[in-house]
Amino acid sequence: PDADVVCRQLRCGHAVSVRGNSAFGRGHGPIL
């Protein structure tokens, strides 16, 4: 449900999978 909101907000459809543990690399800046 969290990821669905992201996908819809970006006009990317719906979420087909969620990834944790920095699967796409570690980001920078604050954890918001």
Full PDB file with SEQRES, HELIX, SHEET, SSBOND, CRYST1, ORIGX, SCALE, CONECT and MASTER records, all heavy atoms in Angstrom:
SEQRES   1 A   32  PRO ASP ALA ASP VAL VAL CYS ARG GLN LEU ARG CYS GLY          
SEQRES   2 A   32  HIS ALA VAL SER VAL ARG GLY ASN SER ALA PHE GLY ARG          
SEQRES   3 A   32  GLY HIS GLY PRO ILE LEU                                      
HELIX    1 AA1 ASP A    2  GLN A    9  1                                   8    
CRYST1    1.000    1.000    1.000  90.00  90.00  90.00 P 1           1          
ORIGX1      1.000000  0.000000  0.000000        0.00000                         
ORIGX2      0.000000  1.000000  0.000000        0.00000                         
ORIGX3      0.000000  0.000000  1.000000        0.00000                         
SCALE1      1.000000  0.000000  0.000000        0.00000                         
SCALE2      0.000000  1.000000  0.000000        0.00000                         
SCALE3      0.000000  0.000000  1.000000        0.00000                         
ATOM      1  N   PRO A   1       0.814  -1.233   0.000  1.00  0.00           N  
ATOM      2  CA  PRO A   1       0.000   0.000   0.000  1.00  0.00           C  
ATOM      3  C   PRO A   1       0.847   1.282   0.000  1.00  0.00           C  
ATOM      4  O   PRO A   1       0.504   2.257  -0.678  1.00  0.00           O  
ATOM      5  CB  PRO A   1      -0.829  -0.126   1.287  1.00  0.00           C  
ATOM      6  CG  PRO A   1      -0.927  -1.599   1.529  1.00  0.00           C  
ATOM      7  CD  PRO A   1       0.388  -2.158   1.076  1.00  0.00           C  
ATOM      8  N   ASP A   2       1.965   1.273   0.750  1.00  0.00           N  
ATOM      9  CA  ASP A   2       2.868   2.435   0.741  1.00  0.00           C  
ATOM     10  C   ASP A   2       3.422   2.654  -0.666  1.00  0.00           C  
ATOM     11  O   ASP A   2       3.429   3.766  -1.203  1.00  0.00           O  
ATOM     12  CB  ASP A   2       4.062   2.221   1.691  1.00  0.00           C  
ATOM     13  CG  ASP A   2       3.636   1.977   3.134  1.00  0.00           C  
ATOM     14  OD1 ASP A   2       2.598   2.519   3.549  1.00  0.00           O  
ATOM     15  OD2 ASP A   2       4.343   1.235   3.843  1.00  0.00           O  
ATOM     16  N   ALA A   3       3.898   1.566  -1.257  1.00  0.00           N  
ATOM     17  CA  ALA A   3       4.535   1.638  -2.574  1.00  0.00           C  
ATOM     18  C   ALA A   3       3.532   2.007  -3.669  1.00  0.00           C  
ATOM     19  O   ALA A   3       3.872   2.697  -4.629  1.00  0.00           O  
ATOM     20  CB  ALA A   3       5.216   0.306  -2.897  1.00  0.00           C  
ATOM     21  N   ASP A   4       2.277   1.552  -3.521  1.00  0.00           N  
ATOM     22  CA  ASP A   4       1.223   1.919  -4.478  1.00  0.00           C  
ATOM     23  C   ASP A   4       1.052   3.434  -4.578  1.00  0.00           C  
ATOM     24  O   ASP A   4       0.848   3.972  -5.658  1.00  0.00           O  
ATOM     25  CB  ASP A   4      -0.120   1.308  -4.052  1.00  0.00           C  
ATOM     26  CG  ASP A   4      -0.351  -0.076  -4.656  1.00  0.00           C  
ATOM     27  OD1 ASP A   4       0.297  -0.389  -5.684  1.00  0.00           O  
ATOM     28  OD2 ASP A   4      -1.179  -0.827  -4.115  1.00  0.00           O  
ATOM     29  N   VAL A   5       1.122   4.104  -3.424  1.00  0.00           N  
ATOM     30  CA  VAL A   5       0.974   5.563  -3.402  1.00  0.00           C  
ATOM     31  C   VAL A   5       2.108   6.216  -4.207  1.00  0.00           C  
ATOM     32  O   VAL A   5       1.881   7.121  -5.008  1.00  0.00           O  
ATOM     33  CB  VAL A   5       0.936   6.095  -1.948  1.00  0.00           C  
ATOM     34  CG1 VAL A   5       0.930   7.617  -1.922  1.00  0.00           C  
ATOM     35  CG2 VAL A   5      -0.286   5.547  -1.220  1.00  0.00           C  
ATOM     36  N   VAL A   6       3.338   5.696  -4.024  1.00  0.00           N  
ATOM     37  CA  VAL A   6       4.494   6.216  -4.760  1.00  0.00           C  
ATOM     38  C   VAL A   6       4.300   6.024  -6.267  1.00  0.00           C  
ATOM     39  O   VAL A   6       4.449   6.954  -7.058  1.00  0.00           O  
ATOM     40  CB  VAL A   6       5.792   5.507  -4.301  1.00  0.00           C  
ATOM     41  CG1 VAL A   6       6.958   5.841  -5.218  1.00  0.00           C  
ATOM     42  CG2 VAL A   6       6.116   5.896  -2.859  1.00  0.00           C  
ATOM     43  N   CYS A   7       3.953   4.807  -6.669  1.00  0.00           N  
ATOM     44  CA  CYS A   7       3.804   4.502  -8.104  1.00  0.00           C  
ATOM     45  C   CYS A   7       2.716   5.375  -8.733  1.00  0.00           C  
ATOM     46  O   CYS A   7       2.898   5.924  -9.819  1.00  0.00           O  
ATOM     47  CB  CYS A   7       3.472   3.031  -8.316  1.00  0.00           C  
ATOM     48  SG  CYS A   7       4.825   1.911  -7.865  1.00  0.00           S  
ATOM     49  N   ARG A   8       1.599   5.516  -8.023  1.00  0.00           N  
ATOM     50  CA  ARG A   8       0.511   6.302  -8.595  1.00  0.00           C  
ATOM     51  C   ARG A   8       0.881   7.784  -8.677  1.00  0.00           C  
ATOM     52  O   ARG A   8       0.590   8.454  -9.660  1.00  0.00           O  
ATOM     53  CB  ARG A   8      -0.774   6.099  -7.793  1.00  0.00           C  
ATOM     54  CG  ARG A   8      -2.015   6.364  -8.642  1.00  0.00           C  
ATOM     55  CD  ARG A   8      -3.308   5.980  -7.981  1.00  0.00           C  
ATOM     56  NE  ARG A   8      -3.407   6.553  -6.661  1.00  0.00           N  
ATOM     57  CZ  ARG A   8      -3.388   5.853  -5.528  1.00  0.00           C  
ATOM     58  NH1 ARG A   8      -3.274   4.542  -5.557  1.00  0.00           N  
ATOM     59  NH2 ARG A   8      -3.484   6.444  -4.365  1.00  0.00           N  
ATOM     60  N   GLN A   9       1.547   8.289  -7.633  1.00  0.00           N  
ATOM     61  CA  GLN A   9       1.953   9.698  -7.629  1.00  0.00           C  
ATOM     62  C   GLN A   9       2.899  10.001  -8.801  1.00  0.00           C  
ATOM     63  O   GLN A   9       2.883  11.090  -9.360  1.00  0.00           O  
ATOM     64  CB  GLN A   9       2.623  10.030  -6.285  1.00  0.00           C  
ATOM     65  CG  GLN A   9       2.812  11.519  -6.040  1.00  0.00           C  
ATOM     66  CD  GLN A   9       3.435  11.798  -4.672  1.00  0.00           C  
ATOM     67  OE1 GLN A   9       3.302  11.019  -3.738  1.00  0.00           O  
ATOM     68  NE2 GLN A   9       4.135  12.916  -4.566  1.00  0.00           N  
ATOM     69  N   LEU A  10       3.713   9.012  -9.191  1.00  0.00           N  
ATOM     70  CA  LEU A  10       4.676   9.200 -10.293  1.00  0.00           C  
ATOM     71  C   LEU A  10       4.098   8.792 -11.648  1.00  0.00           C  
ATOM     72  O   LEU A  10       4.814   8.762 -12.636  1.00  0.00           O  
ATOM     73  CB  LEU A  10       5.938   8.383 -10.016  1.00  0.00           C  
ATOM     74  CG  LEU A  10       6.782   8.852  -8.836  1.00  0.00           C  
ATOM     75  CD1 LEU A  10       7.888   7.849  -8.554  1.00  0.00           C  
ATOM     76  CD2 LEU A  10       7.379  10.230  -9.094  1.00  0.00           C  
ATOM     77  N   ARG A  11       2.801   8.466 -11.697  1.00  0.00           N  
ATOM     78  CA  ARG A  11       2.145   7.965 -12.913  1.00  0.00           C  
ATOM     79  C   ARG A  11       2.872   6.724 -13.462  1.00  0.00           C  
ATOM     80  O   ARG A  11       3.140   6.611 -14.649  1.00  0.00           O  
ATOM     81  CB  ARG A  11       2.080   9.050 -13.995  1.00  0.00           C  
ATOM     82  CG  ARG A  11       1.241  10.241 -13.585  1.00  0.00           C  
ATOM     83  CD  ARG A  11       0.852  11.066 -14.800  1.00  0.00           C  
ATOM     84  NE  ARG A  11      -0.018  12.173 -14.441  1.00  0.00           N  
ATOM     85  CZ  ARG A  11       0.426  13.386 -14.123  1.00  0.00           C  
ATOM     86  NH1 ARG A  11       1.711  13.647 -14.116  1.00  0.00           N  
ATOM     87  NH2 ARG A  11      -0.428  14.357 -13.821  1.00  0.00           N  
ATOM     88  N   CYS A  12       3.193   5.835 -12.547  1.00  0.00           N  
ATOM     89  CA  CYS A  12       3.906   4.604 -12.908  1.00  0.00           C  
ATOM     90  C   CYS A  12       3.039   3.378 -12.665  1.00  0.00           C  
ATOM     91  O   CYS A  12       3.558   2.268 -12.512  1.00  0.00           O  
ATOM     92  CB  CYS A  12       5.205   4.489 -12.110  1.00  0.00           C  
ATOM     93  SG  CYS A  12       6.525   5.569 -12.706  1.00  0.00           S  
ATOM     94  N   GLY A  13       1.721   3.557 -12.610  1.00  0.00           N  
ATOM     95  CA  GLY A  13       0.851   2.404 -12.400  1.00  0.00           C  
ATOM     96  C   GLY A  13       0.757   2.036 -10.933  1.00  0.00           C  
ATOM     97  O   GLY A  13       0.618   2.904 -10.074  1.00  0.00           O  
ATOM     98  N   HIS A  14       0.882   0.733 -10.645  1.00  0.00           N  
ATOM     99  CA  HIS A  14       0.815   0.264  -9.257  1.00  0.00           C  
ATOM    100  C   HIS A  14       2.111  -0.483  -8.927  1.00  0.00           C  
ATOM    101  O   HIS A  14       2.914  -0.778  -9.808  1.00  0.00           O  
ATOM    102  CB  HIS A  14      -0.405  -0.647  -9.057  1.00  0.00           C  
ATOM    103  CG  HIS A  14      -0.367  -1.858  -9.936  1.00  0.00           C  
ATOM    104  ND1 HIS A  14      -0.895  -1.875 -11.210  1.00  0.00           N  
ATOM    105  CD2 HIS A  14       0.166  -3.100  -9.743  1.00  0.00           C  
ATOM    106  CE1 HIS A  14      -0.686  -3.061 -11.760  1.00  0.00           C  
ATOM    107  NE2 HIS A  14      -0.046  -3.819 -10.889  1.00  0.00           N  
ATOM    108  N   ALA A  15       2.277  -0.796  -7.649  1.00  0.00           N  
ATOM    109  CA  ALA A  15       3.499  -1.484  -7.207  1.00  0.00           C  
ATOM    110  C   ALA A  15       3.427  -2.966  -7.538  1.00  0.00           C  
ATOM    111  O   ALA A  15       2.430  -3.615  -7.239  1.00  0.00           O  
ATOM    112  CB  ALA A  15       3.679  -1.288  -5.713  1.00  0.00           C  
ATOM    113  N   VAL A  16       4.469  -3.505  -8.175  1.00  0.00           N  
ATOM    114  CA  VAL A  16       4.517  -4.951  -8.384  1.00  0.00           C  
ATOM    115  C   VAL A  16       5.464  -5.631  -7.399  1.00  0.00           C  
ATOM    116  O   VAL A  16       5.319  -6.808  -7.115  1.00  0.00           O  
ATOM    117  CB  VAL A  16       4.879  -5.360  -9.843  1.00  0.00           C  
ATOM    118  CG1 VAL A  16       3.741  -5.061 -10.790  1.00  0.00           C  
ATOM    119  CG2 VAL A  16       6.140  -4.708 -10.329  1.00  0.00           C  
ATOM    120  N   SER A  17       6.430  -4.876  -6.836  1.00  0.00           N  
ATOM    121  CA  SER A  17       7.214  -5.444  -5.735  1.00  0.00           C  
ATOM    122  C   SER A  17       7.848  -4.337  -4.909  1.00  0.00           C  
ATOM    123  O   SER A  17       8.165  -3.262  -5.421  1.00  0.00           O  
ATOM    124  CB  SER A  17       8.265  -6.441  -6.228  1.00  0.00           C  
ATOM    125  OG  SER A  17       9.400  -5.795  -6.682  1.00  0.00           O  
ATOM    126  N   VAL A  18       7.994  -4.604  -3.621  1.00  0.00           N  
ATOM    127  CA  VAL A  18       8.645  -3.654  -2.720  1.00  0.00           C  
ATOM    128  C   VAL A  18      10.018  -4.209  -2.363  1.00  0.00           C  
ATOM    129  O   VAL A  18      10.193  -5.424  -2.246  1.00  0.00           O  
ATOM    130  CB  VAL A  18       7.820  -3.400  -1.435  1.00  0.00           C  
ATOM    131  CG1 VAL A  18       6.533  -2.678  -1.758  1.00  0.00           C  
ATOM    132  CG2 VAL A  18       7.527  -4.685  -0.688  1.00  0.00           C  
ATOM    133  N   ARG A  19      10.981  -3.301  -2.229  1.00  0.00           N  
ATOM    134  CA  ARG A  19      12.356  -3.718  -1.920  1.00  0.00           C  
ATOM    135  C   ARG A  19      12.851  -2.941  -0.709  1.00  0.00           C  
ATOM    136  O   ARG A  19      12.625  -1.736  -0.621  1.00  0.00           O  
ATOM    137  CB  ARG A  19      13.286  -3.422  -3.103  1.00  0.00           C  
ATOM    138  CG  ARG A  19      12.860  -4.035  -4.429  1.00  0.00           C  
ATOM    139  CD  ARG A  19      13.287  -5.493  -4.537  1.00  0.00           C  
ATOM    140  NE  ARG A  19      12.708  -6.130  -5.708  1.00  0.00           N  
ATOM    141  CZ  ARG A  19      13.242  -6.069  -6.932  1.00  0.00           C  
ATOM    142  NH1 ARG A  19      14.346  -5.387  -7.136  1.00  0.00           N  
ATOM    143  NH2 ARG A  19      12.660  -6.704  -7.922  1.00  0.00           N  
ATOM    144  N   GLY A  20      13.512  -3.648   0.191  1.00  0.00           N  
ATOM    145  CA  GLY A  20      14.134  -3.010   1.347  1.00  0.00           C  
ATOM    146  C   GLY A  20      15.638  -3.185   1.304  1.00  0.00           C  
ATOM    147  O   GLY A  20      16.203  -3.576   0.274  1.00  0.00           O  
ATOM    148  N   ASN A  21      16.291  -2.940   2.446  1.00  0.00           N  
ATOM    149  CA  ASN A  21      17.745  -3.157   2.590  1.00  0.00           C  
ATOM    150  C   ASN A  21      18.545  -2.498   1.478  1.00  0.00           C  
ATOM    151  O   ASN A  21      19.471  -3.096   0.930  1.00  0.00           O  
ATOM    152  CB  ASN A  21      18.068  -4.655   2.618  1.00  0.00           C  
ATOM    153  CG  ASN A  21      17.360  -5.357   3.766  1.00  0.00           C  
ATOM    154  OD1 ASN A  21      17.212  -4.785   4.836  1.00  0.00           O  
ATOM    155  ND2 ASN A  21      16.881  -6.568   3.530  1.00  0.00           N  
ATOM    156  N   SER A  22      18.168  -1.268   1.122  1.00  0.00           N  
ATOM    157  CA  SER A  22      18.861  -0.484   0.088  1.00  0.00           C  
ATOM    158  C   SER A  22      19.168  -1.315  -1.155  1.00  0.00           C  
ATOM    159  O   SER A  22      20.291  -1.321  -1.647  1.00  0.00           O  
ATOM    160  CB  SER A  22      20.145   0.166   0.638  1.00  0.00           C  
ATOM    161  OG  SER A  22      21.075  -0.794   1.072  1.00  0.00           O  
ATOM    162  N   ALA A  23      18.152  -2.007  -1.668  1.00  0.00           N  
ATOM    163  CA  ALA A  23      18.305  -2.853  -2.860  1.00  0.00           C  
ATOM    164  C   ALA A  23      18.780  -2.037  -4.070  1.00  0.00           C  
ATOM    165  O   ALA A  23      19.405  -2.581  -4.972  1.00  0.00           O  
ATOM    166  CB  ALA A  23      16.982  -3.541  -3.185  1.00  0.00           C  
ATOM    167  N   PHE A  24      18.479  -0.740  -4.108  1.00  0.00           N  
ATOM    168  CA  PHE A  24      18.910   0.120  -5.220  1.00  0.00           C  
ATOM    169  C   PHE A  24      20.072   1.023  -4.806  1.00  0.00           C  
ATOM    170  O   PHE A  24      20.276   2.088  -5.367  1.00  0.00           O  
ATOM    171  CB  PHE A  24      17.726   0.962  -5.725  1.00  0.00           C  
ATOM    172  CG  PHE A  24      16.635   0.130  -6.335  1.00  0.00           C  
ATOM    173  CD1 PHE A  24      15.465  -0.136  -5.632  1.00  0.00           C  
ATOM    174  CD2 PHE A  24      16.776  -0.399  -7.608  1.00  0.00           C  
ATOM    175  CE1 PHE A  24      14.467  -0.916  -6.182  1.00  0.00           C  
ATOM    176  CE2 PHE A  24      15.780  -1.183  -8.175  1.00  0.00           C  
ATOM    177  CZ  PHE A  24      14.620  -1.443  -7.458  1.00  0.00           C  
ATOM    178  N   GLY A  25      20.833   0.576  -3.808  1.00  0.00           N  
ATOM    179  CA  GLY A  25      21.957   1.377  -3.326  1.00  0.00           C  
ATOM    180  C   GLY A  25      21.537   2.291  -2.187  1.00  0.00           C  
ATOM    181  O   GLY A  25      20.353   2.548  -1.981  1.00  0.00           O  
ATOM    182  N   ARG A  26      22.515   2.763  -1.457  1.00  0.00           N  
ATOM    183  CA  ARG A  26      22.237   3.638  -0.325  1.00  0.00           C  
ATOM    184  C   ARG A  26      22.076   5.072  -0.792  1.00  0.00           C  
ATOM    185  O   ARG A  26      22.878   5.563  -1.587  1.00  0.00           O  
ATOM    186  CB  ARG A  26      23.373   3.564   0.692  1.00  0.00           C  
ATOM    187  CG  ARG A  26      23.510   2.183   1.298  1.00  0.00           C  
ATOM    188  CD  ARG A  26      24.613   2.129   2.343  1.00  0.00           C  
ATOM    189  NE  ARG A  26      24.735   0.759   2.859  1.00  0.00           N  
ATOM    190  CZ  ARG A  26      25.373   0.450   3.979  1.00  0.00           C  
ATOM    191  NH1 ARG A  26      25.946   1.404   4.693  1.00  0.00           N  
ATOM    192  NH2 ARG A  26      25.434  -0.807   4.385  1.00  0.00           N  
ATOM    193  N   GLY A  27      21.051   5.734  -0.266  1.00  0.00           N  
ATOM    194  CA  GLY A  27      20.831   7.135  -0.602  1.00  0.00           C  
ATOM    195  C   GLY A  27      21.660   8.053   0.277  1.00  0.00           C  
ATOM    196  O   GLY A  27      22.499   7.614   1.058  1.00  0.00           O  
ATOM    197  N   HIS A  28      21.413   9.339   0.131  1.00  0.00           N  
ATOM    198  CA  HIS A  28      22.108  10.352   0.933  1.00  0.00           C  
ATOM    199  C   HIS A  28      21.072  11.265   1.555  1.00  0.00           C  
ATOM    200  O   HIS A  28      19.893  11.180   1.250  1.00  0.00           O  
ATOM    201  CB  HIS A  28      23.049  11.170   0.037  1.00  0.00           C  
ATOM    202  CG  HIS A  28      24.032  10.315  -0.699  1.00  0.00           C  
ATOM    203  ND1 HIS A  28      25.150   9.778  -0.108  1.00  0.00           N  
ATOM    204  CD2 HIS A  28      24.035   9.864  -1.981  1.00  0.00           C  
ATOM    205  CE1 HIS A  28      25.808   9.050  -0.996  1.00  0.00           C  
ATOM    206  NE2 HIS A  28      25.141   9.077  -2.143  1.00  0.00           N  
ATOM    207  N   GLY A  29      21.540  12.164   2.398  1.00  0.00           N  
ATOM    208  CA  GLY A  29      20.628  13.143   2.976  1.00  0.00           C  
ATOM    209  C   GLY A  29      19.829  12.555   4.125  1.00  0.00           C  
ATOM    210  O   GLY A  29      20.084  11.439   4.581  1.00  0.00           O  
ATOM    211  N   PRO A  30      18.828  13.288   4.594  1.00  0.00           N  
ATOM    212  CA  PRO A  30      18.057  12.844   5.751  1.00  0.00           C  
ATOM    213  C   PRO A  30      17.151  11.660   5.416  1.00  0.00           C  
ATOM    214  O   PRO A  30      16.798  11.453   4.264  1.00  0.00           O  
ATOM    215  CB  PRO A  30      17.219  14.080   6.098  1.00  0.00           C  
ATOM    216  CG  PRO A  30      17.093  14.821   4.809  1.00  0.00           C  
ATOM    217  CD  PRO A  30      18.359  14.590   4.066  1.00  0.00           C  
ATOM    218  N   ILE A  31      16.796  10.889   6.437  1.00  0.00           N  
ATOM    219  CA  ILE A  31      15.772   9.858   6.290  1.00  0.00           C  
ATOM    220  C   ILE A  31      14.463  10.512   6.710  1.00  0.00           C  
ATOM    221  O   ILE A  31      14.268  10.869   7.868  1.00  0.00           O  
ATOM    222  CB  ILE A  31      16.120   8.621   7.129  1.00  0.00           C  
ATOM    223  CG1 ILE A  31      17.357   7.941   6.508  1.00  0.00           C  
ATOM    224  CG2 ILE A  31      14.942   7.641   7.165  1.00  0.00           C  
ATOM    225  CD1 ILE A  31      18.068   6.981   7.388  1.00  0.00           C  
ATOM    226  N   LEU A  32      13.591  10.739   5.728  1.00  0.00           N  
ATOM    227  CA  LEU A  32      12.440  11.617   5.945  1.00  0.00           C  
ATOM    228  C   LEU A  32      11.181  10.891   6.401  1.00  0.00           C  
ATOM    229  O   LEU A  32      10.246  11.515   6.884  1.00  0.00           O  
ATOM    230  CB  LEU A  32      12.134  12.399   4.654  1.00  0.00           C  
ATOM    231  CG  LEU A  32      13.230  13.396   4.238  1.00  0.00           C  
ATOM    232  CD1 LEU A  32      12.932  13.964   2.864  1.00  0.00           C  
ATOM    233  CD2 LEU A  32      13.340  14.520   5.260  1.00  0.00           C  
TER     234      LEU A  32                                                      
MASTER        0    0    0    1    0    0    0    6  233    1    0    3          
END                                                                             
